Amino acid sequence: MKPFFTPDLVRQLPVAVVSGGIIAMVCFKSTTVHLPFFINVLLSFGLGWLQPRKGWVLALVQVLTLLVAYSLFSNSDIVVATDPRIAKFTTYMGIFPTLTGAFVGALLGRTLKESK
């Protein structure tokens, strides 16, 4: 039986943490909801592509990082939101594009790797 946390998965966990921080930063600096959701879908699609079988783990790490970064940013003066309503909305709604993007990326990655 293979271990759950493979070396590839462990190496890719920091990528999920950094991408979650990038999404949180974009949420705080955006004036519309479109750009944060677009960046979110692209980065989570990439996480699913990196780990076609365990992309959901990276997506959950990205979601947790997004929520932690939002609470850090909103409770301090590290990053000041351009529009706090948009930052809050895109952060909490960002959970769904993250999970969906990782699922689609993993599905496409598995499909293309198995067809070779």
N, C-alpha and C. Protein backbone atom coordinates (compact mmCIF):
# COMPACT_ATOMS: atom_id res chain seq x y z
N MET A 1 0.83 -1.18 0.00
CA MET A 1 0.00 0.00 0.00
C MET A 1 0.88 1.25 0.00
N LYS A 2 0.58 2.17 -0.88
CA LYS A 2 1.37 3.39 -1.00
C LYS A 2 1.00 4.37 0.12
N PRO A 3 1.98 5.14 0.58
CA PRO A 3 1.66 6.15 1.60
C PRO A 3 0.82 7.27 1.00
N PHE A 4 0.00 7.89 1.83
CA PHE A 4 -0.88 8.96 1.34
C PHE A 4 -0.07 10.20 0.96
N PHE A 5 0.83 10.63 1.85
CA PHE A 5 1.64 11.81 1.59
C PHE A 5 2.91 11.39 0.85
N THR A 6 2.81 11.35 -0.45
CA THR A 6 3.95 11.01 -1.29
C THR A 6 4.91 12.20 -1.34
N PRO A 7 6.16 11.98 -1.75
CA PRO A 7 7.09 13.11 -1.85
C PRO A 7 6.62 14.21 -2.81
N ASP A 8 5.95 13.82 -3.89
CA ASP A 8 5.42 14.83 -4.81
C ASP A 8 4.37 15.70 -4.14
N LEU A 9 3.48 15.08 -3.40
CA LEU A 9 2.43 15.84 -2.71
C LEU A 9 3.03 16.78 -1.67
N VAL A 10 4.00 16.31 -0.93
CA VAL A 10 4.63 17.15 0.09
C VAL A 10 5.36 18.32 -0.55
N ARG A 11 6.00 18.10 -1.70
CA ARG A 11 6.69 19.18 -2.40
C ARG A 11 5.71 20.21 -2.96
N GLN A 12 4.49 19.79 -3.27
CA GLN A 12 3.52 20.70 -3.88
C GLN A 12 2.65 21.42 -2.86
N LEU A 13 2.72 21.05 -1.60
CA LEU A 13 1.95 21.75 -0.57
C LEU A 13 2.32 23.24 -0.46
N PRO A 14 3.62 23.61 -0.53
CA PRO A 14 3.93 25.05 -0.51
C PRO A 14 3.37 25.81 -1.71
N VAL A 15 3.21 25.13 -2.83
CA VAL A 15 2.61 25.78 -4.00
C VAL A 15 1.16 26.15 -3.69
N ALA A 16 0.45 25.26 -3.00
CA ALA A 16 -0.94 25.54 -2.62
C ALA A 16 -1.01 26.68 -1.62
N VAL A 17 -0.06 26.74 -0.69
CA VAL A 17 -0.05 27.81 0.30
C VAL A 17 0.22 29.15 -0.37
N VAL A 18 1.20 29.19 -1.25
CA VAL A 18 1.53 30.44 -1.95
C VAL A 18 0.37 30.88 -2.84
N SER A 19 -0.25 29.94 -3.54
CA SER A 19 -1.36 30.32 -4.42
C SER A 19 -2.56 30.83 -3.61
N GLY A 20 -2.79 30.27 -2.43
CA GLY A 20 -3.85 30.78 -1.57
C GLY A 20 -3.56 32.20 -1.11
N GLY A 21 -2.31 32.48 -0.81
CA GLY A 21 -1.92 33.85 -0.43
C GLY A 21 -2.07 34.83 -1.58
N ILE A 22 -1.73 34.37 -2.79
CA ILE A 22 -1.89 35.23 -3.97
C ILE A 22 -3.36 35.55 -4.20
N ILE A 23 -4.20 34.55 -4.07
CA ILE A 23 -5.64 34.78 -4.26
C ILE A 23 -6.17 35.75 -3.21
N ALA A 24 -5.74 35.60 -1.97
CA ALA A 24 -6.19 36.53 -0.92
C ALA A 24 -5.73 37.95 -1.22
N MET A 25 -4.51 38.10 -1.71
CA MET A 25 -4.00 39.43 -2.04
C MET A 25 -4.80 40.05 -3.19
N VAL A 26 -5.11 39.24 -4.19
CA VAL A 26 -5.90 39.75 -5.31
C VAL A 26 -7.30 40.12 -4.84
N CYS A 27 -7.87 39.33 -3.94
CA CYS A 27 -9.19 39.66 -3.38
C CYS A 27 -9.17 41.01 -2.68
N PHE A 28 -8.11 41.32 -1.99
CA PHE A 28 -8.04 42.56 -1.24
C PHE A 28 -7.75 43.77 -2.12
N LYS A 29 -7.08 43.56 -3.23
CA LYS A 29 -6.70 44.69 -4.08
C LYS A 29 -7.61 44.88 -5.29
N SER A 30 -8.58 44.02 -5.48
CA SER A 30 -9.45 44.10 -6.65
C SER A 30 -10.62 45.04 -6.40
N THR A 31 -11.06 45.68 -7.49
CA THR A 31 -12.24 46.54 -7.41
C THR A 31 -13.48 45.85 -7.98
N THR A 32 -13.29 44.69 -8.58
CA THR A 32 -14.42 43.90 -9.09
C THR A 32 -14.25 42.46 -8.63
N VAL A 33 -15.27 41.66 -8.81
CA VAL A 33 -15.20 40.26 -8.38
C VAL A 33 -14.62 39.36 -9.47
N HIS A 34 -14.51 39.85 -10.67
CA HIS A 34 -14.13 39.00 -11.79
C HIS A 34 -12.68 38.54 -11.74
N LEU A 35 -11.77 39.45 -11.46
CA LEU A 35 -10.35 39.10 -11.45
C LEU A 35 -10.00 38.09 -10.35
N PRO A 36 -10.47 38.26 -9.11
CA PRO A 36 -10.15 37.24 -8.09
C PRO A 36 -10.67 35.85 -8.45
N PHE A 37 -11.87 35.79 -9.01
CA PHE A 37 -12.41 34.48 -9.38
C PHE A 37 -11.63 33.87 -10.54
N PHE A 38 -11.22 34.70 -11.50
CA PHE A 38 -10.43 34.20 -12.63
C PHE A 38 -9.09 33.66 -12.16
N ILE A 39 -8.39 34.42 -11.32
CA ILE A 39 -7.10 33.97 -10.78
C ILE A 39 -7.29 32.71 -9.95
N ASN A 40 -8.36 32.67 -9.19
CA ASN A 40 -8.66 31.51 -8.35
C ASN A 40 -8.84 30.25 -9.18
N VAL A 41 -9.63 30.35 -10.23
CA VAL A 41 -9.88 29.19 -11.09
C VAL A 41 -8.59 28.74 -11.77
N LEU A 42 -7.79 29.67 -12.26
CA LEU A 42 -6.54 29.29 -12.92
C LEU A 42 -5.57 28.59 -11.97
N LEU A 43 -5.39 29.16 -10.79
CA LEU A 43 -4.44 28.56 -9.84
C LEU A 43 -4.94 27.22 -9.31
N SER A 44 -6.22 27.10 -9.06
CA SER A 44 -6.72 25.82 -8.55
C SER A 44 -6.75 24.77 -9.66
N PHE A 45 -6.98 25.18 -10.90
CA PHE A 45 -6.87 24.25 -12.03
C PHE A 45 -5.45 23.70 -12.10
N GLY A 46 -4.47 24.57 -11.90
CA GLY A 46 -3.08 24.13 -11.89
C GLY A 46 -2.77 23.15 -10.78
N LEU A 47 -3.38 23.35 -9.61
CA LEU A 47 -3.17 22.41 -8.51
C LEU A 47 -3.75 21.04 -8.84
N GLY A 48 -4.92 21.02 -9.45
CA GLY A 48 -5.51 19.75 -9.87
C GLY A 48 -4.67 19.07 -10.93
N TRP A 49 -4.09 19.86 -11.80
CA TRP A 49 -3.24 19.32 -12.86
C TRP A 49 -1.97 18.71 -12.26
N LEU A 50 -1.42 19.36 -11.23
CA LEU A 50 -0.20 18.85 -10.59
C LEU A 50 -0.44 17.51 -9.91
N GLN A 51 -1.58 17.37 -9.27
CA GLN A 51 -1.91 16.14 -8.54
C GLN A 51 -3.26 15.61 -9.03
N PRO A 52 -3.25 14.84 -10.12
CA PRO A 52 -4.53 14.36 -10.65
C PRO A 52 -5.30 13.46 -9.70
N ARG A 53 -4.63 12.74 -8.82
CA ARG A 53 -5.33 11.84 -7.90
C ARG A 53 -5.61 12.48 -6.55
N LYS A 54 -4.75 13.39 -6.12
CA LYS A 54 -4.90 14.00 -4.79
C LYS A 54 -4.96 15.52 -4.87
N GLY A 55 -5.50 16.04 -5.95
CA GLY A 55 -5.62 17.48 -6.11
C GLY A 55 -6.54 18.11 -5.08
N TRP A 56 -7.45 17.32 -4.56
CA TRP A 56 -8.38 17.84 -3.56
C TRP A 56 -7.65 18.22 -2.28
N VAL A 57 -6.56 17.54 -1.97
CA VAL A 57 -5.78 17.89 -0.78
C VAL A 57 -5.15 19.27 -0.97
N LEU A 58 -4.59 19.49 -2.15
CA LEU A 58 -4.00 20.80 -2.43
C LEU A 58 -5.07 21.88 -2.46
N ALA A 59 -6.26 21.56 -2.97
CA ALA A 59 -7.35 22.53 -3.00
C ALA A 59 -7.79 22.89 -1.58
N LEU A 60 -7.87 21.91 -0.69
CA LEU A 60 -8.24 22.20 0.69
C LEU A 60 -7.18 23.05 1.40
N VAL A 61 -5.91 22.78 1.10
CA VAL A 61 -4.84 23.61 1.67
C VAL A 61 -4.95 25.04 1.14
N GLN A 62 -5.27 25.17 -0.14
CA GLN A 62 -5.43 26.50 -0.73
C GLN A 62 -6.61 27.24 -0.09
N VAL A 63 -7.71 26.55 0.13
CA VAL A 63 -8.88 27.16 0.77
C VAL A 63 -8.55 27.61 2.19
N LEU A 64 -7.88 26.75 2.95
CA LEU A 64 -7.51 27.11 4.32
C LEU A 64 -6.56 28.30 4.34
N THR A 65 -5.62 28.32 3.41
CA THR A 65 -4.70 29.46 3.32
C THR A 65 -5.44 30.73 2.96
N LEU A 66 -6.39 30.64 2.05
CA LEU A 66 -7.18 31.79 1.66
C LEU A 66 -7.95 32.36 2.86
N LEU A 67 -8.57 31.49 3.64
CA LEU A 67 -9.34 31.94 4.79
C LEU A 67 -8.45 32.51 5.90
N VAL A 68 -7.32 31.87 6.13
CA VAL A 68 -6.39 32.37 7.15
C VAL A 68 -5.79 33.71 6.72
N ALA A 69 -5.42 33.81 5.45
CA ALA A 69 -4.86 35.07 4.95
C ALA A 69 -5.90 36.19 5.02
N TYR A 70 -7.15 35.87 4.72
CA TYR A 70 -8.20 36.89 4.83
C TYR A 70 -8.33 37.38 6.27
N SER A 71 -8.34 36.46 7.21
CA SER A 71 -8.48 36.89 8.60
C SER A 71 -7.25 37.68 9.07
N LEU A 72 -6.06 37.29 8.62
CA LEU A 72 -4.86 38.06 8.96
C LEU A 72 -4.90 39.45 8.35
N PHE A 73 -5.25 39.53 7.08
CA PHE A 73 -5.27 40.82 6.38
C PHE A 73 -6.36 41.73 6.93
N SER A 74 -7.53 41.17 7.23
CA SER A 74 -8.64 42.03 7.67
C SER A 74 -8.48 42.49 9.11
N ASN A 75 -7.74 41.75 9.93
CA ASN A 75 -7.56 42.13 11.33
C ASN A 75 -6.27 42.90 11.59
N SER A 76 -5.56 43.25 10.53
CA SER A 76 -4.32 44.00 10.70
C SER A 76 -4.21 45.01 9.56
N ASP A 77 -3.14 45.77 9.59
CA ASP A 77 -2.91 46.75 8.54
C ASP A 77 -1.86 46.27 7.54
N ILE A 78 -1.67 44.97 7.44
CA ILE A 78 -0.68 44.43 6.49
C ILE A 78 -1.10 44.78 5.08
N VAL A 79 -2.34 44.48 4.75
CA VAL A 79 -2.90 44.80 3.44
C VAL A 79 -4.25 45.46 3.70
N VAL A 80 -4.45 46.61 3.12
CA VAL A 80 -5.72 47.32 3.27
C VAL A 80 -6.57 47.04 2.04
N ALA A 81 -7.80 46.62 2.27
CA ALA A 81 -8.69 46.26 1.16
C ALA A 81 -9.12 47.50 0.40
N THR A 82 -9.11 47.39 -0.92
CA THR A 82 -9.61 48.46 -1.77
C THR A 82 -11.11 48.64 -1.53
N ASP A 83 -11.83 47.55 -1.51
CA ASP A 83 -13.26 47.55 -1.18
C ASP A 83 -13.50 46.36 -0.25
N PRO A 84 -13.73 46.60 1.03
CA PRO A 84 -13.87 45.49 1.98
C PRO A 84 -15.01 44.53 1.65
N ARG A 85 -16.08 45.04 1.03
CA ARG A 85 -17.20 44.16 0.68
C ARG A 85 -16.79 43.16 -0.38
N ILE A 86 -16.04 43.63 -1.37
CA ILE A 86 -15.58 42.73 -2.44
C ILE A 86 -14.57 41.74 -1.89
N ALA A 87 -13.70 42.19 -1.00
CA ALA A 87 -12.71 41.29 -0.41
C ALA A 87 -13.40 40.17 0.36
N LYS A 88 -14.40 40.52 1.14
CA LYS A 88 -15.11 39.52 1.93
C LYS A 88 -15.88 38.56 1.03
N PHE A 89 -16.59 39.10 0.05
CA PHE A 89 -17.39 38.27 -0.85
C PHE A 89 -16.52 37.32 -1.65
N THR A 90 -15.45 37.83 -2.26
CA THR A 90 -14.61 36.97 -3.10
C THR A 90 -13.83 35.95 -2.28
N THR A 91 -13.52 36.27 -1.04
CA THR A 91 -12.84 35.29 -0.20
C THR A 91 -13.75 34.13 0.13
N TYR A 92 -14.93 34.42 0.62
CA TYR A 92 -15.82 33.34 1.03
C TYR A 92 -16.41 32.59 -0.16
N MET A 93 -16.69 33.27 -1.23
CA MET A 93 -17.18 32.59 -2.43
C MET A 93 -16.05 31.89 -3.18
N GLY A 94 -14.80 32.25 -2.87
CA GLY A 94 -13.66 31.64 -3.53
C GLY A 94 -13.46 30.17 -3.19
N ILE A 95 -14.17 29.69 -2.19
CA ILE A 95 -14.08 28.28 -1.83
C ILE A 95 -14.58 27.41 -2.98
N PHE A 96 -15.66 27.82 -3.60
CA PHE A 96 -16.28 27.01 -4.65
C PHE A 96 -15.46 26.95 -5.93
N PRO A 97 -14.94 28.07 -6.46
CA PRO A 97 -14.09 27.95 -7.65
C PRO A 97 -12.80 27.18 -7.39
N THR A 98 -12.30 27.24 -6.15
CA THR A 98 -11.09 26.50 -5.83
C THR A 98 -11.34 25.00 -5.94
N LEU A 99 -12.39 24.53 -5.32
CA LEU A 99 -12.68 23.10 -5.36
C LEU A 99 -13.07 22.65 -6.77
N THR A 100 -13.84 23.46 -7.47
CA THR A 100 -14.25 23.11 -8.83
C THR A 100 -13.07 23.13 -9.79
N GLY A 101 -12.24 24.15 -9.69
CA GLY A 101 -11.08 24.24 -10.57
C GLY A 101 -10.11 23.09 -10.36
N ALA A 102 -9.89 22.71 -9.11
CA ALA A 102 -9.00 21.57 -8.83
C ALA A 102 -9.60 20.28 -9.37
N PHE A 103 -10.91 20.13 -9.24
CA PHE A 103 -11.56 18.93 -9.76
C PHE A 103 -11.43 18.85 -11.28
N VAL A 104 -11.69 19.95 -11.96
CA VAL A 104 -11.60 19.95 -13.43
C VAL A 104 -10.16 19.75 -13.88
N GLY A 105 -9.21 20.39 -13.21
CA GLY A 105 -7.80 20.20 -13.55
C GLY A 105 -7.35 18.77 -13.35
N ALA A 106 -7.79 18.16 -12.25
CA ALA A 106 -7.43 16.76 -11.99
C ALA A 106 -8.08 15.83 -13.01
N LEU A 107 -9.33 16.10 -13.34
CA LEU A 107 -10.02 15.28 -14.32
C LEU A 107 -9.35 15.37 -15.69
N LEU A 108 -9.01 16.56 -16.11
CA LEU A 108 -8.34 16.72 -17.39
C LEU A 108 -6.94 16.12 -17.36
N GLY A 109 -6.23 16.31 -16.25
CA GLY A 109 -4.89 15.73 -16.13
C GLY A 109 -4.91 14.21 -16.17
N ARG A 110 -5.86 13.60 -15.47
CA ARG A 110 -5.99 12.14 -15.50
C ARG A 110 -6.37 11.66 -16.89
N THR A 111 -7.28 12.35 -17.54
CA THR A 111 -7.74 11.95 -18.86
C THR A 111 -6.59 11.98 -19.87
N LEU A 112 -5.82 13.04 -19.85
CA LEU A 112 -4.72 13.15 -20.81
C LEU A 112 -3.59 12.19 -20.50
N LYS A 113 -3.32 11.92 -19.24
CA LYS A 113 -2.23 11.01 -18.88
C LYS A 113 -2.61 9.55 -19.18
N GLU A 114 -3.88 9.22 -19.01
CA GLU A 114 -4.32 7.84 -19.27
C GLU A 114 -4.49 7.56 -20.75
N SER A 115 -4.68 8.60 -21.57
CA SER A 115 -4.87 8.38 -23.00
C SER A 115 -3.56 8.17 -23.73
N LYS A 116 -2.42 8.41 -23.07
CA LYS A 116 -1.12 8.24 -23.73
C LYS A 116 -0.76 6.78 -23.83
